Amino acid sequence: MRRPGRWVWGVVIVLLVVAAAEFAALAWLLPRYAVHLIRHHFGVGVRVGKASWQFPMTLVLSDVQLETEWPSVGASAKRVTLELLWVSWAEQRMWLRSVEI
């Protein structure tokens, strides 16, 4: 049996680079999309200090503040952990498995 040629290793390397690029794009895009959905749902009175994604489907939001105008009610949390069940880009919805505040 012959050893794999150089083209096989080239294909493997290209596939690994594509997978790493997809992972990096998801790590950059998913927290921003989640903050966008939260602001869209709750309104402009939501502030999120930092959003990060942890593999496989966990979002960590830091310094979250929710402010409403009636009657000057607000809430804040240092850390909110969201375990996602599913994200629908087309419907602009996230299904959550659990929320930890």
PDB file of N, CA and C in Angstrom:
ATOM      1  N   MET A   1       0.839  -1.173   0.000  1.00  0.00           N
ATOM      2  CA  MET A   1       0.000   0.000   0.000  1.00  0.00           C
ATOM      3  C   MET A   1       0.886   1.239   0.000  1.00  0.00           C
ATOM      4  N   ARG A   2       0.512   2.188  -0.838  1.00  0.00           N
ATOM      5  CA  ARG A   2       1.315   3.405  -0.962  1.00  0.00           C
ATOM      6  C   ARG A   2       0.916   4.431   0.090  1.00  0.00           C
ATOM      7  N   ARG A   3       1.864   5.285   0.411  1.00  0.00           N
ATOM      8  CA  ARG A   3       1.589   6.391   1.324  1.00  0.00           C
ATOM      9  C   ARG A   3       0.782   7.453   0.594  1.00  0.00           C
ATOM     10  N   PRO A   4      -0.032   8.200   1.329  1.00  0.00           N
ATOM     11  CA  PRO A   4      -0.829   9.256   0.688  1.00  0.00           C
ATOM     12  C   PRO A   4       0.072  10.300   0.035  1.00  0.00           C
ATOM     13  N   GLY A   5      -0.370  10.782  -1.085  1.00  0.00           N
ATOM     14  CA  GLY A   5       0.391  11.801  -1.800  1.00  0.00           C
ATOM     15  C   GLY A   5       0.264  13.163  -1.157  1.00  0.00           C
ATOM     16  N   ARG A   6       0.979  14.098  -1.716  1.00  0.00           N
ATOM     17  CA  ARG A   6       0.956  15.465  -1.176  1.00  0.00           C
ATOM     18  C   ARG A   6      -0.412  16.115  -1.307  1.00  0.00           C
ATOM     19  N   TRP A   7      -1.155  15.767  -2.321  1.00  0.00           N
ATOM     20  CA  TRP A   7      -2.464  16.383  -2.523  1.00  0.00           C
ATOM     21  C   TRP A   7      -3.427  16.008  -1.398  1.00  0.00           C
ATOM     22  N   VAL A   8      -3.283  14.811  -0.830  1.00  0.00           N
ATOM     23  CA  VAL A   8      -4.149  14.411   0.280  1.00  0.00           C
ATOM     24  C   VAL A   8      -3.859  15.284   1.492  1.00  0.00           C
ATOM     25  N   TRP A   9      -2.579  15.500   1.776  1.00  0.00           N
ATOM     26  CA  TRP A   9      -2.222  16.363   2.898  1.00  0.00           C
ATOM     27  C   TRP A   9      -2.662  17.797   2.646  1.00  0.00           C
ATOM     28  N   GLY A  10      -2.597  18.222   1.407  1.00  0.00           N
ATOM     29  CA  GLY A  10      -3.074  19.562   1.071  1.00  0.00           C
ATOM     30  C   GLY A  10      -4.566  19.719   1.325  1.00  0.00           C
ATOM     31  N   VAL A  11      -5.346  18.712   0.949  1.00  0.00           N
ATOM     32  CA  VAL A  11      -6.791  18.746   1.181  1.00  0.00           C
ATOM     33  C   VAL A  11      -7.081  18.757   2.681  1.00  0.00           C
ATOM     34  N   VAL A  12      -6.365  17.939   3.438  1.00  0.00           N
ATOM     35  CA  VAL A  12      -6.562  17.894   4.893  1.00  0.00           C
ATOM     36  C   VAL A  12      -6.251  19.249   5.511  1.00  0.00           C
ATOM     37  N   ILE A  13      -5.176  19.875   5.105  1.00  0.00           N
ATOM     38  CA  ILE A  13      -4.794  21.182   5.648  1.00  0.00           C
ATOM     39  C   ILE A  13      -5.834  22.241   5.281  1.00  0.00           C
ATOM     40  N   VAL A  14      -6.327  22.223   4.053  1.00  0.00           N
ATOM     41  CA  VAL A  14      -7.343  23.188   3.637  1.00  0.00           C
ATOM     42  C   VAL A  14      -8.613  23.003   4.464  1.00  0.00           C
ATOM     43  N   LEU A  15      -9.039  21.763   4.695  1.00  0.00           N
ATOM     44  CA  LEU A  15     -10.227  21.513   5.498  1.00  0.00           C
ATOM     45  C   LEU A  15     -10.048  21.969   6.942  1.00  0.00           C
ATOM     46  N   LEU A  16      -8.868  21.777   7.507  1.00  0.00           N
ATOM     47  CA  LEU A  16      -8.602  22.242   8.866  1.00  0.00           C
ATOM     48  C   LEU A  16      -8.624  23.768   8.954  1.00  0.00           C
ATOM     49  N   VAL A  17      -8.082  24.430   7.953  1.00  0.00           N
ATOM     50  CA  VAL A  17      -8.095  25.896   7.932  1.00  0.00           C
ATOM     51  C   VAL A  17      -9.525  26.419   7.812  1.00  0.00           C
ATOM     52  N   VAL A  18     -10.334  25.784   6.969  1.00  0.00           N
ATOM     53  CA  VAL A  18     -11.729  26.195   6.818  1.00  0.00           C
ATOM     54  C   VAL A  18     -12.487  25.993   8.132  1.00  0.00           C
ATOM     55  N   ALA A  19     -12.273  24.863   8.802  1.00  0.00           N
ATOM     56  CA  ALA A  19     -12.944  24.603  10.082  1.00  0.00           C
ATOM     57  C   ALA A  19     -12.523  25.622  11.132  1.00  0.00           C
ATOM     58  N   ALA A  20     -11.243  25.966  11.191  1.00  0.00           N
ATOM     59  CA  ALA A  20     -10.763  26.961  12.150  1.00  0.00           C
ATOM     60  C   ALA A  20     -11.344  28.344  11.845  1.00  0.00           C
ATOM     61  N   ALA A  21     -11.473  28.680  10.567  1.00  0.00           N
ATOM     62  CA  ALA A  21     -12.053  29.968  10.195  1.00  0.00           C
ATOM     63  C   ALA A  21     -13.535  30.031  10.575  1.00  0.00           C
ATOM     64  N   GLU A  22     -14.264  28.938  10.383  1.00  0.00           N
ATOM     65  CA  GLU A  22     -15.671  28.906  10.774  1.00  0.00           C
ATOM     66  C   GLU A  22     -15.822  29.042  12.285  1.00  0.00           C
ATOM     67  N   PHE A  23     -14.973  28.377  13.032  1.00  0.00           N
ATOM     68  CA  PHE A  23     -15.007  28.462  14.487  1.00  0.00           C
ATOM     69  C   PHE A  23     -14.732  29.891  14.951  1.00  0.00           C
ATOM     70  N   ALA A  24     -13.733  30.535  14.354  1.00  0.00           N
ATOM     71  CA  ALA A  24     -13.399  31.917  14.717  1.00  0.00           C
ATOM     72  C   ALA A  24     -14.540  32.868  14.344  1.00  0.00           C
ATOM     73  N   ALA A  25     -15.152  32.654  13.193  1.00  0.00           N
ATOM     74  CA  ALA A  25     -16.272  33.510  12.787  1.00  0.00           C
ATOM     75  C   ALA A  25     -17.461  33.334  13.730  1.00  0.00           C
ATOM     76  N   LEU A  26     -17.734  32.115  14.141  1.00  0.00           N
ATOM     77  CA  LEU A  26     -18.827  31.867  15.070  1.00  0.00           C
ATOM     78  C   LEU A  26     -18.543  32.478  16.433  1.00  0.00           C
ATOM     79  N   ALA A  27     -17.305  32.383  16.894  1.00  0.00           N
ATOM     80  CA  ALA A  27     -16.927  32.970  18.177  1.00  0.00           C
ATOM     81  C   ALA A  27     -17.033  34.496  18.144  1.00  0.00           C
ATOM     82  N   TRP A  28     -16.861  35.095  16.992  1.00  0.00           N
ATOM     83  CA  TRP A  28     -16.981  36.547  16.864  1.00  0.00           C
ATOM     84  C   TRP A  28     -18.434  36.964  16.666  1.00  0.00           C
ATOM     85  N   LEU A  29     -19.189  36.198  15.877  1.00  0.00           N
ATOM     86  CA  LEU A  29     -20.528  36.601  15.476  1.00  0.00           C
ATOM     87  C   LEU A  29     -21.602  36.280  16.511  1.00  0.00           C
ATOM     88  N   LEU A  30     -21.546  35.125  17.142  1.00  0.00           N
ATOM     89  CA  LEU A  30     -22.622  34.687  18.029  1.00  0.00           C
ATOM     90  C   LEU A  30     -22.851  35.616  19.225  1.00  0.00           C
ATOM     91  N   PRO A  31     -21.827  36.082  19.950  1.00  0.00           N
ATOM     92  CA  PRO A  31     -22.098  37.016  21.057  1.00  0.00           C
ATOM     93  C   PRO A  31     -22.729  38.330  20.590  1.00  0.00           C
ATOM     94  N   ARG A  32     -22.287  38.844  19.475  1.00  0.00           N
ATOM     95  CA  ARG A  32     -22.853  40.093  18.971  1.00  0.00           C
ATOM     96  C   ARG A  32     -24.307  39.901  18.544  1.00  0.00           C
ATOM     97  N   TYR A  33     -24.594  38.767  17.932  1.00  0.00           N
ATOM     98  CA  TYR A  33     -25.959  38.470  17.516  1.00  0.00           C
ATOM     99  C   TYR A  33     -26.870  38.295  18.730  1.00  0.00           C
ATOM    100  N   ALA A  34     -26.377  37.645  19.764  1.00  0.00           N
ATOM    101  CA  ALA A  34     -27.171  37.445  20.979  1.00  0.00           C
ATOM    102  C   ALA A  34     -27.496  38.781  21.634  1.00  0.00           C
ATOM    103  N   VAL A  35     -26.531  39.678  21.722  1.00  0.00           N
ATOM    104  CA  VAL A  35     -26.781  41.003  22.305  1.00  0.00           C
ATOM    105  C   VAL A  35     -27.782  41.771  21.445  1.00  0.00           C
ATOM    106  N   HIS A  36     -27.673  41.648  20.139  1.00  0.00           N
ATOM    107  CA  HIS A  36     -28.637  42.286  19.234  1.00  0.00           C
ATOM    108  C   HIS A  36     -30.052  41.764  19.490  1.00  0.00           C
ATOM    109  N   LEU A  37     -30.215  40.448  19.637  1.00  0.00           N
ATOM    110  CA  LEU A  37     -31.538  39.873  19.891  1.00  0.00           C
ATOM    111  C   LEU A  37     -32.090  40.305  21.248  1.00  0.00           C
ATOM    112  N   ILE A  38     -31.245  40.368  22.250  1.00  0.00           N
ATOM    113  CA  ILE A  38     -31.687  40.791  23.579  1.00  0.00           C
ATOM    114  C   ILE A  38     -32.141  42.244  23.546  1.00  0.00           C
ATOM    115  N   ARG A  39     -31.376  43.104  22.892  1.00  0.00           N
ATOM    116  CA  ARG A  39     -31.771  44.518  22.777  1.00  0.00           C
ATOM    117  C   ARG A  39     -33.042  44.673  21.959  1.00  0.00           C
ATOM    118  N   HIS A  40     -33.189  43.860  20.919  1.00  0.00           N
ATOM    119  CA  HIS A  40     -34.397  43.918  20.088  1.00  0.00           C
ATOM    120  C   HIS A  40     -35.625  43.501  20.896  1.00  0.00           C
ATOM    121  N   HIS A  41     -35.472  42.512  21.753  1.00  0.00           N
ATOM    122  CA  HIS A  41     -36.597  42.013  22.529  1.00  0.00           C
ATOM    123  C   HIS A  41     -36.948  42.939  23.700  1.00  0.00           C
ATOM    124  N   PHE A  42     -35.955  43.383  24.450  1.00  0.00           N
ATOM    125  CA  PHE A  42     -36.201  44.193  25.644  1.00  0.00           C
ATOM    126  C   PHE A  42     -36.210  45.688  25.369  1.00  0.00           C
ATOM    127  N   GLY A  43     -35.705  46.104  24.257  1.00  0.00           N
ATOM    128  CA  GLY A  43     -35.659  47.528  23.943  1.00  0.00           C
ATOM    129  C   GLY A  43     -34.269  48.093  24.166  1.00  0.00           C
ATOM    130  N   VAL A  44     -34.179  49.394  24.033  1.00  0.00           N
ATOM    131  CA  VAL A  44     -32.876  50.043  24.089  1.00  0.00           C
ATOM    132  C   VAL A  44     -32.321  50.151  25.503  1.00  0.00           C
ATOM    133  N   GLY A  45     -33.127  49.866  26.507  1.00  0.00           N
ATOM    134  CA  GLY A  45     -32.686  50.007  27.890  1.00  0.00           C
ATOM    135  C   GLY A  45     -31.809  48.879  28.393  1.00  0.00           C
ATOM    136  N   VAL A  46     -31.294  48.054  27.520  1.00  0.00           N
ATOM    137  CA  VAL A  46     -30.429  46.944  27.920  1.00  0.00           C
ATOM    138  C   VAL A  46     -28.993  47.303  27.566  1.00  0.00           C
ATOM    139  N   ARG A  47     -28.126  47.137  28.549  1.00  0.00           N
ATOM    140  CA  ARG A  47     -26.691  47.365  28.325  1.00  0.00           C
ATOM    141  C   ARG A  47     -25.938  46.110  28.724  1.00  0.00           C
ATOM    142  N   VAL A  48     -25.042  45.683  27.874  1.00  0.00           N
ATOM    143  CA  VAL A  48     -24.214  44.510  28.134  1.00  0.00           C
ATOM    144  C   VAL A  48     -22.764  44.958  28.054  1.00  0.00           C
ATOM    145  N   GLY A  49     -22.024  44.740  29.140  1.00  0.00           N
ATOM    146  CA  GLY A  49     -20.627  45.148  29.165  1.00  0.00           C
ATOM    147  C   GLY A  49     -19.765  44.317  28.235  1.00  0.00           C
ATOM    148  N   LYS A  50     -19.849  42.996  28.364  1.00  0.00           N
ATOM    149  CA  LYS A  50     -19.029  42.120  27.540  1.00  0.00           C
ATOM    150  C   LYS A  50     -19.808  40.839  27.278  1.00  0.00           C
ATOM    151  N   ALA A  51     -19.716  40.349  26.056  1.00  0.00           N
ATOM    152  CA  ALA A  51     -20.355  39.090  25.685  1.00  0.00           C
ATOM    153  C   ALA A  51     -19.282  38.168  25.114  1.00  0.00           C
ATOM    154  N   SER A  52     -19.288  36.913  25.563  1.00  0.00           N
ATOM    155  CA  SER A  52     -18.325  35.949  25.041  1.00  0.00           C
ATOM    156  C   SER A  52     -19.007  34.608  24.843  1.00  0.00           C
ATOM    157  N   TRP A  53     -18.426  33.817  23.954  1.00  0.00           N
ATOM    158  CA  TRP A  53     -18.966  32.509  23.605  1.00  0.00           C
ATOM    159  C   TRP A  53     -18.016  31.439  24.097  1.00  0.00           C
ATOM    160  N   GLN A  54     -18.595  30.403  24.719  1.00  0.00           N
ATOM    161  CA  GLN A  54     -17.814  29.254  25.171  1.00  0.00           C
ATOM    162  C   GLN A  54     -18.336  28.022  24.463  1.00  0.00           C
ATOM    163  N   PHE A  55     -17.430  27.198  23.998  1.00  0.00           N
ATOM    164  CA  PHE A  55     -17.802  25.997  23.261  1.00  0.00           C
ATOM    165  C   PHE A  55     -18.524  25.029  24.167  1.00  0.00           C
ATOM    166  N   PRO A  56     -19.582  24.353  23.787  1.00  0.00           N
ATOM    167  CA  PRO A  56     -20.174  24.328  22.463  1.00  0.00           C
ATOM    168  C   PRO A  56     -21.254  25.386  22.260  1.00  0.00           C
ATOM    169  N   MET A  57     -22.175  25.591  23.209  1.00  0.00           N
ATOM    170  CA  MET A  57     -23.262  26.556  22.988  1.00  0.00           C
ATOM    171  C   MET A  57     -23.573  27.312  24.273  1.00  0.00           C
ATOM    172  N   THR A  58     -22.598  28.023  24.802  1.00  0.00           N
ATOM    173  CA  THR A  58     -22.799  28.784  26.032  1.00  0.00           C
ATOM    174  C   THR A  58     -22.378  30.231  25.792  1.00  0.00           C
ATOM    175  N   LEU A  59     -23.250  31.148  26.154  1.00  0.00           N
ATOM    176  CA  LEU A  59     -22.948  32.575  26.080  1.00  0.00           C
ATOM    177  C   LEU A  59     -22.802  33.123  27.490  1.00  0.00           C
ATOM    178  N   VAL A  60     -21.780  33.928  27.705  1.00  0.00           N
ATOM    179  CA  VAL A  60     -21.566  34.567  28.999  1.00  0.00           C
ATOM    180  C   VAL A  60     -21.638  36.075  28.786  1.00  0.00           C
ATOM    181  N   LEU A  61     -22.592  36.698  29.465  1.00  0.00           N
ATOM    182  CA  LEU A  61     -22.773  38.144  29.394  1.00  0.00           C
ATOM    183  C   LEU A  61     -22.345  38.744  30.724  1.00  0.00           C
ATOM    184  N   SER A  62     -21.498  39.761  30.688  1.00  0.00           N
ATOM    185  CA  SER A  62     -21.006  40.410  31.903  1.00  0.00           C
ATOM    186  C   SER A  62     -21.561  41.822  31.995  1.00  0.00           C
ATOM    187  N   ASP A  63     -21.798  42.275  33.224  1.00  0.00           N
ATOM    188  CA  ASP A  63     -22.285  43.632  33.504  1.00  0.00           C
ATOM    189  C   ASP A  63     -23.541  43.962  32.701  1.00  0.00           C
ATOM    190  N   VAL A  64     -24.589  43.186  32.929  1.00  0.00           N
ATOM    191  CA  VAL A  64     -25.859  43.371  32.232  1.00  0.00           C
ATOM    192  C   VAL A  64     -26.746  44.309  33.044  1.00  0.00           C
ATOM    193  N   GLN A  65     -27.302  45.323  32.388  1.00  0.00           N
ATOM    194  CA  GLN A  65     -28.196  46.268  33.038  1.00  0.00           C
ATOM    195  C   GLN A  65     -29.468  46.389  32.221  1.00  0.00           C
ATOM    196  N   LEU A  66     -30.602  46.298  32.895  1.00  0.00           N
ATOM    197  CA  LEU A  66     -31.913  46.453  32.264  1.00  0.00           C
ATOM    198  C   LEU A  66     -32.594  47.638  32.922  1.00  0.00           C
ATOM    199  N   GLU A  67     -32.894  48.641  32.140  1.00  0.00           N
ATOM    200  CA  GLU A  67     -33.529  49.854  32.659  1.00  0.00           C
ATOM    201  C   GLU A  67     -34.840  50.079  31.931  1.00  0.00           C
ATOM    202  N   THR A  68     -35.885  50.295  32.689  1.00  0.00           N
ATOM    203  CA  THR A  68     -37.178  50.653  32.113  1.00  0.00           C
ATOM    204  C   THR A  68     -37.596  51.998  32.675  1.00  0.00           C
ATOM    205  N   GLU A  69     -38.446  52.676  31.960  1.00  0.00           N
ATOM    206  CA  GLU A  69     -38.836  54.027  32.377  1.00  0.00           C
ATOM    207  C   GLU A  69     -39.995  54.034  33.352  1.00  0.00           C
ATOM    208  N   TRP A  70     -40.775  52.979  33.392  1.00  0.00           N
ATOM    209  CA  TRP A  70     -41.950  52.997  34.260  1.00  0.00           C
ATOM    210  C   TRP A  70     -41.789  52.038  35.384  1.00  0.00           C
ATOM    211  N   PRO A  71     -41.914  52.317  36.583  1.00  0.00           N
ATOM    212  CA  PRO A  71     -41.711  53.622  37.221  1.00  0.00           C
ATOM    213  C   PRO A  71     -40.276  53.718  37.731  1.00  0.00           C
ATOM    214  N   SER A  72     -39.370  53.929  36.863  1.00  0.00           N
ATOM    215  CA  SER A  72     -37.932  54.009  37.168  1.00  0.00           C
ATOM    216  C   SER A  72     -37.427  52.719  37.798  1.00  0.00           C
ATOM    217  N   VAL A  73     -37.707  51.634  37.141  1.00  0.00           N
ATOM    218  CA  VAL A  73     -37.292  50.318  37.623  1.00  0.00           C
ATOM    219  C   VAL A  73     -36.119  49.854  36.785  1.00  0.00           C
ATOM    220  N   GLY A  74     -35.178  49.208  37.435  1.00  0.00           N
ATOM    221  CA  GLY A  74     -34.047  48.657  36.718  1.00  0.00           C
ATOM    222  C   GLY A  74     -33.502  47.445  37.423  1.00  0.00           C
ATOM    223  N   ALA A  75     -32.756  46.654  36.719  1.00  0.00           N
ATOM    224  CA  ALA A  75     -32.120  45.466  37.287  1.00  0.00           C
ATOM    225  C   ALA A  75     -30.731  45.352  36.692  1.00  0.00           C
ATOM    226  N   SER A  76     -29.825  44.766  37.456  1.00  0.00           N
ATOM    227  CA  SER A  76     -28.473  44.566  36.939  1.00  0.00           C
ATOM    228  C   SER A  76     -27.936  43.232  37.440  1.00  0.00           C
ATOM    229  N   ALA A  77     -27.023  42.672  36.677  1.00  0.00           N
ATOM    230  CA  ALA A  77     -26.386  41.410  37.037  1.00  0.00           C
ATOM    231  C   ALA A  77     -24.929  41.470  36.598  1.00  0.00           C
ATOM    232  N   LYS A  78     -24.050  40.975  37.445  1.00  0.00           N
ATOM    233  CA  LYS A  78     -22.632  40.958  37.094  1.00  0.00           C
ATOM    234  C   LYS A  78     -22.344  39.951  35.987  1.00  0.00           C
ATOM    235  N   ARG A  79     -23.043  38.790  36.050  1.00  0.00           N
ATOM    236  CA  ARG A  79     -22.774  37.745  35.071  1.00  0.00           C
ATOM    237  C   ARG A  79     -24.058  36.972  34.789  1.00  0.00           C
ATOM    238  N   VAL A  80     -24.349  36.786  33.512  1.00  0.00           N
ATOM    239  CA  VAL A  80     -25.487  35.992  33.071  1.00  0.00           C
ATOM    240  C   VAL A  80     -24.952  34.932  32.114  1.00  0.00           C
ATOM    241  N   THR A  81     -25.234  33.673  32.421  1.00  0.00           N
ATOM    242  CA  THR A  81     -24.782  32.562  31.583  1.00  0.00           C
ATOM    243  C   THR A  81     -25.997  31.946  30.902  1.00  0.00           C
ATOM    244  N   LEU A  82     -25.956  31.909  29.582  1.00  0.00           N
ATOM    245  CA  LEU A  82     -27.054  31.362  28.785  1.00  0.00           C
ATOM    246  C   LEU A  82     -26.568  30.098  28.087  1.00  0.00           C
ATOM    247  N   GLU A  83     -27.224  28.979  28.345  1.00  0.00           N
ATOM    248  CA  GLU A  83     -26.943  27.756  27.604  1.00  0.00           C
ATOM    249  C   GLU A  83     -27.958  27.661  26.485  1.00  0.00           C
ATOM    250  N   LEU A  84     -27.476  27.715  25.262  1.00  0.00           N
ATOM    251  CA  LEU A  84     -28.356  27.744  24.100  1.00  0.00           C
ATOM    252  C   LEU A  84     -28.745  26.340  23.675  1.00  0.00           C
ATOM    253  N   LEU A  85     -29.982  26.208  23.276  1.00  0.00           N
ATOM    254  CA  LEU A  85     -30.453  24.961  22.705  1.00  0.00           C
ATOM    255  C   LEU A  85     -30.397  25.042  21.189  1.00  0.00           C
ATOM    256  N   TRP A  86     -30.807  26.198  20.650  1.00  0.00           N
ATOM    257  CA  TRP A  86     -30.819  26.385  19.198  1.00  0.00           C
ATOM    258  C   TRP A  86     -30.839  27.871  18.886  1.00  0.00           C
ATOM    259  N   VAL A  87     -30.220  28.248  17.771  1.00  0.00           N
ATOM    260  CA  VAL A  87     -30.246  29.633  17.297  1.00  0.00           C
ATOM    261  C   VAL A  87     -30.774  29.619  15.872  1.00  0.00           C
ATOM    262  N   SER A  88     -31.837  30.377  15.629  1.00  0.00           N
ATOM    263  CA  SER A  88     -32.403  30.480  14.289  1.00  0.00           C
ATOM    264  C   SER A  88     -32.057  31.849  13.730  1.00  0.00           C
ATOM    265  N   TRP A  89     -31.190  31.880  12.743  1.00  0.00           N
ATOM    266  CA  TRP A  89     -30.782  33.148  12.147  1.00  0.00           C
ATOM    267  C   TRP A  89     -31.934  33.751  11.352  1.00  0.00           C
ATOM    268  N   ALA A  90     -32.714  32.909  10.668  1.00  0.00           N
ATOM    269  CA  ALA A  90     -33.792  33.400   9.812  1.00  0.00           C
ATOM    270  C   ALA A  90     -34.935  34.007  10.632  1.00  0.00           C
ATOM    271  N   GLU A  91     -35.317  33.350  11.727  1.00  0.00           N
ATOM    272  CA  GLU A  91     -36.427  33.834  12.546  1.00  0.00           C
ATOM    273  C   GLU A  91     -35.984  34.827  13.616  1.00  0.00           C
ATOM    274  N   GLN A  92     -34.701  35.032  13.763  1.00  0.00           N
ATOM    275  CA  GLN A  92     -34.119  35.890  14.794  1.00  0.00           C
ATOM    276  C   GLN A  92     -34.596  35.468  16.176  1.00  0.00           C
ATOM    277  N   ARG A  93     -34.390  34.184  16.491  1.00  0.00           N
ATOM    278  CA  ARG A  93     -34.782  33.635  17.780  1.00  0.00           C
ATOM    279  C   ARG A  93     -33.665  32.770  18.336  1.00  0.00           C
ATOM    280  N   MET A  94     -33.630  32.718  19.663  1.00  0.00           N
ATOM    281  CA  MET A  94     -32.731  31.811  20.374  1.00  0.00           C
ATOM    282  C   MET A  94     -33.579  30.993  21.339  1.00  0.00           C
ATOM    283  N   TRP A  95     -33.361  29.697  21.358  1.00  0.00           N
ATOM    284  CA  TRP A  95     -34.004  28.841  22.331  1.00  0.00           C
ATOM    285  C   TRP A  95     -32.979  28.527  23.401  1.00  0.00           C
ATOM    286  N   LEU A  96     -33.356  28.709  24.658  1.00  0.00           N
ATOM    287  CA  LEU A  96     -32.429  28.564  25.765  1.00  0.00           C
ATOM    288  C   LEU A  96     -32.696  27.268  26.521  1.00  0.00           C
ATOM    289  N   ARG A  97     -31.619  26.590  26.880  1.00  0.00           N
ATOM    290  CA  ARG A  97     -31.720  25.410  27.720  1.00  0.00           C
ATOM    291  C   ARG A  97     -31.758  25.825  29.188  1.00  0.00           C
ATOM    292  N   SER A  98     -30.906  26.778  29.548  1.00  0.00           N
ATOM    293  CA  SER A  98     -30.907  27.272  30.928  1.00  0.00           C
ATOM    294  C   SER A  98     -30.332  28.684  30.966  1.00  0.00           C
ATOM    295  N   VAL A  99     -30.710  29.403  32.019  1.00  0.00           N
ATOM    296  CA  VAL A  99     -30.216  30.756  32.266  1.00  0.00           C
ATOM    297  C   VAL A  99     -29.738  30.797  33.716  1.00  0.00           C
ATOM    298  N   GLU A 100     -28.518  31.248  33.913  1.00  0.00           N
ATOM    299  CA  GLU A 100     -27.968  31.379  35.257  1.00  0.00           C
ATOM    300  C   GLU A 100     -27.572  32.836  35.484  1.00  0.00           C
ATOM    301  N   ILE A 101     -28.152  33.433  36.519  1.00  0.00           N
ATOM    302  CA  ILE A 101     -27.873  34.848  36.812  1.00  0.00           C
ATOM    303  C   ILE A 101     -27.064  34.934  38.091  1.00  0.00           C
TER     304      ILE A 101
END
